[in-house]
């Protein structure tokens, strides 16, 4: 009895390399601005470590606060 024709198996896809901290910073800052593409977000979700995202988010929030305080001081001077 002949074997049924099966399509060949696709080779397993390798896991993507983990992203560095600078990639996490870029992802967080582009998310702050709302200019993220879906494909980039999905790729970053797989490659960026959660700790890097947390640290980048805290740094981004601190930078935003500092910029706002400086702007308020300049305007009210």
PDB file of N, CA and C in Angstrom:
ATOM      1  N   UNK A   1       0.837  -1.165   0.000  1.00  0.00           N
ATOM      2  CA  UNK A   1       0.000   0.000   0.000  1.00  0.00           C
ATOM      3  C   UNK A   1       0.893   1.243   0.000  1.00  0.00           C
ATOM      4  N   UNK A   2       0.723   2.158  -0.946  1.00  0.00           N
ATOM      5  CA  UNK A   2       1.590   3.335  -0.997  1.00  0.00           C
ATOM      6  C   UNK A   2       1.216   4.332   0.101  1.00  0.00           C
ATOM      7  N   UNK A   3       2.234   5.056   0.558  1.00  0.00           N
ATOM      8  CA  UNK A   3       2.023   6.072   1.596  1.00  0.00           C
ATOM      9  C   UNK A   3       1.288   7.263   0.993  1.00  0.00           C
ATOM     10  N   UNK A   4       0.361   7.841   1.753  1.00  0.00           N
ATOM     11  CA  UNK A   4      -0.353   9.010   1.228  1.00  0.00           C
ATOM     12  C   UNK A   4       0.632  10.157   1.013  1.00  0.00           C
ATOM     13  N   UNK A   5       0.343  10.939  -0.006  1.00  0.00           N
ATOM     14  CA  UNK A   5       1.206  12.086  -0.288  1.00  0.00           C
ATOM     15  C   UNK A   5       1.000  13.152   0.780  1.00  0.00           C
ATOM     16  N   UNK A   6       2.070  13.456   1.459  1.00  0.00           N
ATOM     17  CA  UNK A   6       2.041  14.510   2.468  1.00  0.00           C
ATOM     18  C   UNK A   6       2.959  15.629   2.016  1.00  0.00           C
ATOM     19  N   UNK A   7       2.561  16.836   2.298  1.00  0.00           N
ATOM     20  CA  UNK A   7       3.475  17.930   1.956  1.00  0.00           C
ATOM     21  C   UNK A   7       4.713  17.849   2.862  1.00  0.00           C
ATOM     22  N   UNK A   8       5.850  18.260   2.359  1.00  0.00           N
ATOM     23  CA  UNK A   8       7.052  18.197   3.194  1.00  0.00           C
ATOM     24  C   UNK A   8       6.924  19.125   4.387  1.00  0.00           C
ATOM     25  N   UNK A   9       7.499  18.712   5.480  1.00  0.00           N
ATOM     26  CA  UNK A   9       7.469  19.546   6.685  1.00  0.00           C
ATOM     27  C   UNK A   9       8.393  20.739   6.511  1.00  0.00           C
ATOM     28  N   UNK A  10       7.930  21.851   7.015  1.00  0.00           N
ATOM     29  CA  UNK A  10       8.760  23.049   6.980  1.00  0.00           C
ATOM     30  C   UNK A  10       9.821  22.923   8.069  1.00  0.00           C
ATOM     31  N   UNK A  11      11.030  23.394   7.798  1.00  0.00           N
ATOM     32  CA  UNK A  11      12.052  23.326   8.842  1.00  0.00           C
ATOM     33  C   UNK A  11      11.652  24.220  10.002  1.00  0.00           C
ATOM     34  N   UNK A  12      12.009  23.835  11.214  1.00  0.00           N
ATOM     35  CA  UNK A  12      11.639  24.665  12.362  1.00  0.00           C
ATOM     36  C   UNK A  12      12.315  26.032  12.270  1.00  0.00           C
ATOM     37  N   UNK A  13      11.550  27.050  12.629  1.00  0.00           N
ATOM     38  CA  UNK A  13      12.105  28.404  12.585  1.00  0.00           C
ATOM     39  C   UNK A  13      12.940  28.633  13.829  1.00  0.00           C
ATOM     40  N   UNK A  14      14.112  29.236  13.674  1.00  0.00           N
ATOM     41  CA  UNK A  14      14.946  29.487  14.847  1.00  0.00           C
ATOM     42  C   UNK A  14      14.341  30.602  15.696  1.00  0.00           C
ATOM     43  N   UNK A  15      14.601  30.524  16.985  1.00  0.00           N
ATOM     44  CA  UNK A  15      14.133  31.580  17.871  1.00  0.00           C
ATOM     45  C   UNK A  15      14.882  32.862  17.538  1.00  0.00           C
ATOM     46  N   UNK A  16      14.169  34.004  17.544  1.00  0.00           N
ATOM     47  CA  UNK A  16      14.861  35.259  17.253  1.00  0.00           C
ATOM     48  C   UNK A  16      15.848  35.592  18.362  1.00  0.00           C
ATOM     49  N   UNK A  17      16.910  36.256  17.994  1.00  0.00           N
ATOM     50  CA  UNK A  17      17.924  36.646  18.970  1.00  0.00           C
ATOM     51  C   UNK A  17      17.345  37.684  19.927  1.00  0.00           C
ATOM     52  N   UNK A  18      17.709  37.607  21.198  1.00  0.00           N
ATOM     53  CA  UNK A  18      17.195  38.596  22.144  1.00  0.00           C
ATOM     54  C   UNK A  18      17.698  39.999  21.809  1.00  0.00           C
ATOM     55  N   UNK A  19      16.819  40.964  21.976  1.00  0.00           N
ATOM     56  CA  UNK A  19      17.165  42.355  21.679  1.00  0.00           C
ATOM     57  C   UNK A  19      17.901  42.964  22.856  1.00  0.00           C
ATOM     58  N   UNK A  20      18.700  43.957  22.586  1.00  0.00           N
ATOM     59  CA  UNK A  20      19.444  44.654  23.625  1.00  0.00           C
ATOM     60  C   UNK A  20      18.618  45.754  24.266  1.00  0.00           C
ATOM     61  N   UNK A  21      19.254  46.440  25.203  1.00  0.00           N
ATOM     62  CA  UNK A  21      18.570  47.483  25.953  1.00  0.00           C
ATOM     63  C   UNK A  21      18.223  48.672  25.059  1.00  0.00           C
ATOM     64  N   UNK A  22      19.086  48.990  24.095  1.00  0.00           N
ATOM     65  CA  UNK A  22      18.792  50.119  23.201  1.00  0.00           C
ATOM     66  C   UNK A  22      17.554  49.847  22.359  1.00  0.00           C
ATOM     67  N   UNK A  23      17.362  48.615  21.967  1.00  0.00           N
ATOM     68  CA  UNK A  23      16.150  48.248  21.217  1.00  0.00           C
ATOM     69  C   UNK A  23      14.916  48.442  22.098  1.00  0.00           C
ATOM     70  N   UNK A  24      15.048  48.104  23.384  1.00  0.00           N
ATOM     71  CA  UNK A  24      13.939  48.304  24.322  1.00  0.00           C
ATOM     72  C   UNK A  24      13.644  49.787  24.488  1.00  0.00           C
ATOM     73  N   UNK A  25      14.700  50.607  24.572  1.00  0.00           N
ATOM     74  CA  UNK A  25      14.491  52.053  24.674  1.00  0.00           C
ATOM     75  C   UNK A  25      13.751  52.582  23.447  1.00  0.00           C
ATOM     76  N   UNK A  26      14.172  52.151  22.284  1.00  0.00           N
ATOM     77  CA  UNK A  26      13.511  52.589  21.060  1.00  0.00           C
ATOM     78  C   UNK A  26      12.054  52.154  21.010  1.00  0.00           C
ATOM     79  N   UNK A  27      11.794  50.944  21.455  1.00  0.00           N
ATOM     80  CA  UNK A  27      10.422  50.439  21.456  1.00  0.00           C
ATOM     81  C   UNK A  27       9.538  51.227  22.418  1.00  0.00           C
ATOM     82  N   UNK A  28      10.065  51.528  23.595  1.00  0.00           N
ATOM     83  CA  UNK A  28       9.274  52.258  24.597  1.00  0.00           C
ATOM     84  C   UNK A  28       9.026  53.690  24.146  1.00  0.00           C
ATOM     85  N   UNK A  29      10.050  54.353  23.626  1.00  0.00           N
ATOM     86  CA  UNK A  29       9.866  55.741  23.215  1.00  0.00           C
ATOM     87  C   UNK A  29       8.957  55.861  21.998  1.00  0.00           C
ATOM     88  N   UNK A  30       9.035  54.910  21.081  1.00  0.00           N
ATOM     89  CA  UNK A  30       8.109  54.967  19.951  1.00  0.00           C
ATOM     90  C   UNK A  30       6.688  54.639  20.411  1.00  0.00           C
ATOM     91  N   UNK A  31       6.559  53.820  21.440  1.00  0.00           N
ATOM     92  CA  UNK A  31       5.235  53.546  21.996  1.00  0.00           C
ATOM     93  C   UNK A  31       4.686  54.788  22.707  1.00  0.00           C
ATOM     94  N   UNK A  32       5.556  55.551  23.383  1.00  0.00           N
ATOM     95  CA  UNK A  32       5.126  56.810  24.004  1.00  0.00           C
ATOM     96  C   UNK A  32       4.545  57.753  22.952  1.00  0.00           C
ATOM     97  N   UNK A  33       5.178  57.775  21.779  1.00  0.00           N
ATOM     98  CA  UNK A  33       4.726  58.671  20.718  1.00  0.00           C
ATOM     99  C   UNK A  33       3.571  58.096  19.918  1.00  0.00           C
ATOM    100  N   UNK A  34       3.333  56.807  20.038  1.00  0.00           N
ATOM    101  CA  UNK A  34       2.239  56.174  19.324  1.00  0.00           C
ATOM    102  C   UNK A  34       2.547  55.898  17.871  1.00  0.00           C
ATOM    103  N   UNK A  35       3.811  55.655  17.539  1.00  0.00           N
ATOM    104  CA  UNK A  35       4.191  55.431  16.150  1.00  0.00           C
ATOM    105  C   UNK A  35       4.689  54.006  15.927  1.00  0.00           C
ATOM    106  N   UNK A  36       4.130  53.054  16.626  1.00  0.00           N
ATOM    107  CA  UNK A  36       4.563  51.660  16.515  1.00  0.00           C
ATOM    108  C   UNK A  36       3.794  50.967  15.403  1.00  0.00           C
ATOM    109  N   UNK A  37       4.499  50.154  14.626  1.00  0.00           N
ATOM    110  CA  UNK A  37       3.847  49.300  13.634  1.00  0.00           C
ATOM    111  C   UNK A  37       3.544  47.965  14.284  1.00  0.00           C
ATOM    112  N   UNK A  38       2.517  47.308  13.813  1.00  0.00           N
ATOM    113  CA  UNK A  38       2.100  46.042  14.406  1.00  0.00           C
ATOM    114  C   UNK A  38       3.203  44.995  14.301  1.00  0.00           C
ATOM    115  N   UNK A  39       3.839  44.909  13.155  1.00  0.00           N
ATOM    116  CA  UNK A  39       4.886  43.901  12.964  1.00  0.00           C
ATOM    117  C   UNK A  39       6.065  44.155  13.899  1.00  0.00           C
ATOM    118  N   UNK A  40       6.435  45.418  14.070  1.00  0.00           N
ATOM    119  CA  UNK A  40       7.542  45.743  14.972  1.00  0.00           C
ATOM    120  C   UNK A  40       7.170  45.421  16.415  1.00  0.00           C
ATOM    121  N   UNK A  41       5.935  45.696  16.779  1.00  0.00           N
ATOM    122  CA  UNK A  41       5.492  45.388  18.138  1.00  0.00           C
ATOM    123  C   UNK A  41       5.481  43.899  18.416  1.00  0.00           C
ATOM    124  N   UNK A  42       5.051  43.122  17.426  1.00  0.00           N
ATOM    125  CA  UNK A  42       5.044  41.669  17.606  1.00  0.00           C
ATOM    126  C   UNK A  42       6.467  41.117  17.705  1.00  0.00           C
ATOM    127  N   UNK A  43       7.373  41.661  16.896  1.00  0.00           N
ATOM    128  CA  UNK A  43       8.768  41.209  16.952  1.00  0.00           C
ATOM    129  C   UNK A  43       9.385  41.583  18.290  1.00  0.00           C
ATOM    130  N   UNK A  44       9.118  42.803  18.764  1.00  0.00           N
ATOM    131  CA  UNK A  44       9.669  43.241  20.035  1.00  0.00           C
ATOM    132  C   UNK A  44       9.096  42.446  21.201  1.00  0.00           C
ATOM    133  N   UNK A  45       7.841  42.047  21.105  1.00  0.00           N
ATOM    134  CA  UNK A  45       7.225  41.273  22.184  1.00  0.00           C
ATOM    135  C   UNK A  45       7.931  39.941  22.387  1.00  0.00           C
ATOM    136  N   UNK A  46       8.523  39.422  21.329  1.00  0.00           N
ATOM    137  CA  UNK A  46       9.203  38.133  21.413  1.00  0.00           C
ATOM    138  C   UNK A  46      10.657  38.301  21.828  1.00  0.00           C
ATOM    139  N   UNK A  47      11.289  39.410  21.435  1.00  0.00           N
ATOM    140  CA  UNK A  47      12.728  39.529  21.621  1.00  0.00           C
ATOM    141  C   UNK A  47      13.159  40.383  22.803  1.00  0.00           C
ATOM    142  N   UNK A  48      12.332  41.309  23.246  1.00  0.00           N
ATOM    143  CA  UNK A  48      12.746  42.212  24.325  1.00  0.00           C
ATOM    144  C   UNK A  48      12.416  41.603  25.675  1.00  0.00           C
ATOM    145  N   UNK A  49      13.361  41.733  26.593  1.00  0.00           N
ATOM    146  CA  UNK A  49      13.154  41.224  27.945  1.00  0.00           C
ATOM    147  C   UNK A  49      12.251  42.180  28.721  1.00  0.00           C
ATOM    148  N   UNK A  50      11.339  41.651  29.521  1.00  0.00           N
ATOM    149  CA  UNK A  50      10.423  42.516  30.276  1.00  0.00           C
ATOM    150  C   UNK A  50      11.147  43.490  31.215  1.00  0.00           C
ATOM    151  N   UNK A  51      12.259  43.069  31.798  1.00  0.00           N
ATOM    152  CA  UNK A  51      13.005  43.963  32.691  1.00  0.00           C
ATOM    153  C   UNK A  51      13.509  45.188  31.927  1.00  0.00           C
ATOM    154  N   UNK A  52      13.949  44.994  30.692  1.00  0.00           N
ATOM    155  CA  UNK A  52      14.414  46.120  29.884  1.00  0.00           C
ATOM    156  C   UNK A  52      13.273  47.087  29.596  1.00  0.00           C
ATOM    157  N   UNK A  53      12.091  46.553  29.350  1.00  0.00           N
ATOM    158  CA  UNK A  53      10.935  47.415  29.077  1.00  0.00           C
ATOM    159  C   UNK A  53      10.566  48.227  30.320  1.00  0.00           C
ATOM    160  N   UNK A  54      10.616  47.600  31.471  1.00  0.00           N
ATOM    161  CA  UNK A  54      10.282  48.300  32.719  1.00  0.00           C
ATOM    162  C   UNK A  54      11.277  49.416  32.982  1.00  0.00           C
ATOM    163  N   UNK A  55      12.572  49.116  32.846  1.00  0.00           N
ATOM    164  CA  UNK A  55      13.602  50.134  33.091  1.00  0.00           C
ATOM    165  C   UNK A  55      13.471  51.270  32.073  1.00  0.00           C
ATOM    166  N   UNK A  56      13.266  50.939  30.809  1.00  0.00           N
ATOM    167  CA  UNK A  56      13.116  51.967  29.780  1.00  0.00           C
ATOM    168  C   UNK A  56      11.869  52.808  30.034  1.00  0.00           C
ATOM    169  N   UNK A  57      10.797  52.193  30.495  1.00  0.00           N
ATOM    170  CA  UNK A  57       9.577  52.936  30.804  1.00  0.00           C
ATOM    171  C   UNK A  57       9.761  53.904  31.951  1.00  0.00           C
ATOM    172  N   UNK A  58      10.458  53.465  32.984  1.00  0.00           N
ATOM    173  CA  UNK A  58      10.726  54.345  34.133  1.00  0.00           C
ATOM    174  C   UNK A  58      11.626  55.497  33.709  1.00  0.00           C
ATOM    175  N   UNK A  59      12.658  55.201  32.909  1.00  0.00           N
ATOM    176  CA  UNK A  59      13.535  56.267  32.412  1.00  0.00           C
ATOM    177  C   UNK A  59      12.762  57.238  31.520  1.00  0.00           C
ATOM    178  N   UNK A  60      11.898  56.717  30.679  1.00  0.00           N
ATOM    179  CA  UNK A  60      11.099  57.578  29.809  1.00  0.00           C
ATOM    180  C   UNK A  60      10.155  58.472  30.597  1.00  0.00           C
ATOM    181  N   UNK A  61       9.532  57.921  31.618  1.00  0.00           N
ATOM    182  CA  UNK A  61       8.628  58.719  32.445  1.00  0.00           C
ATOM    183  C   UNK A  61       9.398  59.799  33.204  1.00  0.00           C
ATOM    184  N   UNK A  62      10.573  59.441  33.723  1.00  0.00           N
ATOM    185  CA  UNK A  62      11.394  60.420  34.437  1.00  0.00           C
ATOM    186  C   UNK A  62      11.846  61.532  33.488  1.00  0.00           C
ATOM    187  N   UNK A  63      12.228  61.167  32.286  1.00  0.00           N
ATOM    188  CA  UNK A  63      12.640  62.163  31.302  1.00  0.00           C
ATOM    189  C   UNK A  63      11.477  63.081  30.943  1.00  0.00           C
ATOM    190  N   UNK A  64      10.289  62.528  30.795  1.00  0.00           N
ATOM    191  CA  UNK A  64       9.106  63.337  30.501  1.00  0.00           C
ATOM    192  C   UNK A  64       8.832  64.332  31.624  1.00  0.00           C
ATOM    193  N   UNK A  65       8.940  63.898  32.869  1.00  0.00           N
ATOM    194  CA  UNK A  65       8.702  64.787  34.008  1.00  0.00           C
ATOM    195  C   UNK A  65       9.739  65.904  34.034  1.00  0.00           C
ATOM    196  N   UNK A  66      11.004  65.564  33.813  1.00  0.00           N
ATOM    197  CA  UNK A  66      12.066  66.578  33.821  1.00  0.00           C
ATOM    198  C   UNK A  66      11.834  67.606  32.716  1.00  0.00           C
ATOM    199  N   UNK A  67      11.495  67.145  31.524  1.00  0.00           N
ATOM    200  CA  UNK A  67      11.245  68.063  30.412  1.00  0.00           C
ATOM    201  C   UNK A  67      10.064  68.973  30.729  1.00  0.00           C
ATOM    202  N   UNK A  68       8.999  68.431  31.300  1.00  0.00           N
ATOM    203  CA  UNK A  68       7.837  69.259  31.635  1.00  0.00           C
ATOM    204  C   UNK A  68       8.168  70.282  32.712  1.00  0.00           C
ATOM    205  N   UNK A  69       8.939  69.892  33.720  1.00  0.00           N
ATOM    206  CA  UNK A  69       9.330  70.836  34.773  1.00  0.00           C
ATOM    207  C   UNK A  69      10.185  71.955  34.198  1.00  0.00           C
ATOM    208  N   UNK A  70      11.127  71.618  33.342  1.00  0.00           N
ATOM    209  CA  UNK A  70      11.977  72.636  32.724  1.00  0.00           C
ATOM    210  C   UNK A  70      11.144  73.571  31.859  1.00  0.00           C
ATOM    211  N   UNK A  71      10.207  73.029  31.084  1.00  0.00           N
ATOM    212  CA  UNK A  71       9.349  73.881  30.256  1.00  0.00           C
ATOM    213  C   UNK A  71       8.500  74.830  31.102  1.00  0.00           C
ATOM    214  N   UNK A  72       7.968  74.322  32.197  1.00  0.00           N
ATOM    215  CA  UNK A  72       7.156  75.176  33.069  1.00  0.00           C
ATOM    216  C   UNK A  72       8.004  76.283  33.677  1.00  0.00           C
ATOM    217  N   UNK A  73       9.236  75.965  34.086  1.00  0.00           N
ATOM    218  CA  UNK A  73      10.111  76.996  34.659  1.00  0.00           C
ATOM    219  C   UNK A  73      10.470  78.047  33.626  1.00  0.00           C
ATOM    220  N   UNK A  74      10.698  77.621  32.378  1.00  0.00           N
ATOM    221  CA  UNK A  74      11.035  78.575  31.320  1.00  0.00           C
ATOM    222  C   UNK A  74       9.842  79.479  31.026  1.00  0.00           C
ATOM    223  N   UNK A  75       8.655  78.914  30.940  1.00  0.00           N
ATOM    224  CA  UNK A  75       7.457  79.682  30.604  1.00  0.00           C
ATOM    225  C   UNK A  75       7.086  80.646  31.725  1.00  0.00           C
ATOM    226  N   UNK A  76       7.243  80.237  32.971  1.00  0.00           N
ATOM    227  CA  UNK A  76       6.822  81.097  34.103  1.00  0.00           C
ATOM    228  C   UNK A  76       7.898  82.058  34.539  1.00  0.00           C
ATOM    229  N   UNK A  77       9.043  82.068  33.902  1.00  0.00           N
ATOM    230  CA  UNK A  77      10.130  82.964  34.275  1.00  0.00           C
ATOM    231  C   UNK A  77       9.811  84.390  33.929  1.00  0.00           C
TER     232      UNK A  77
END
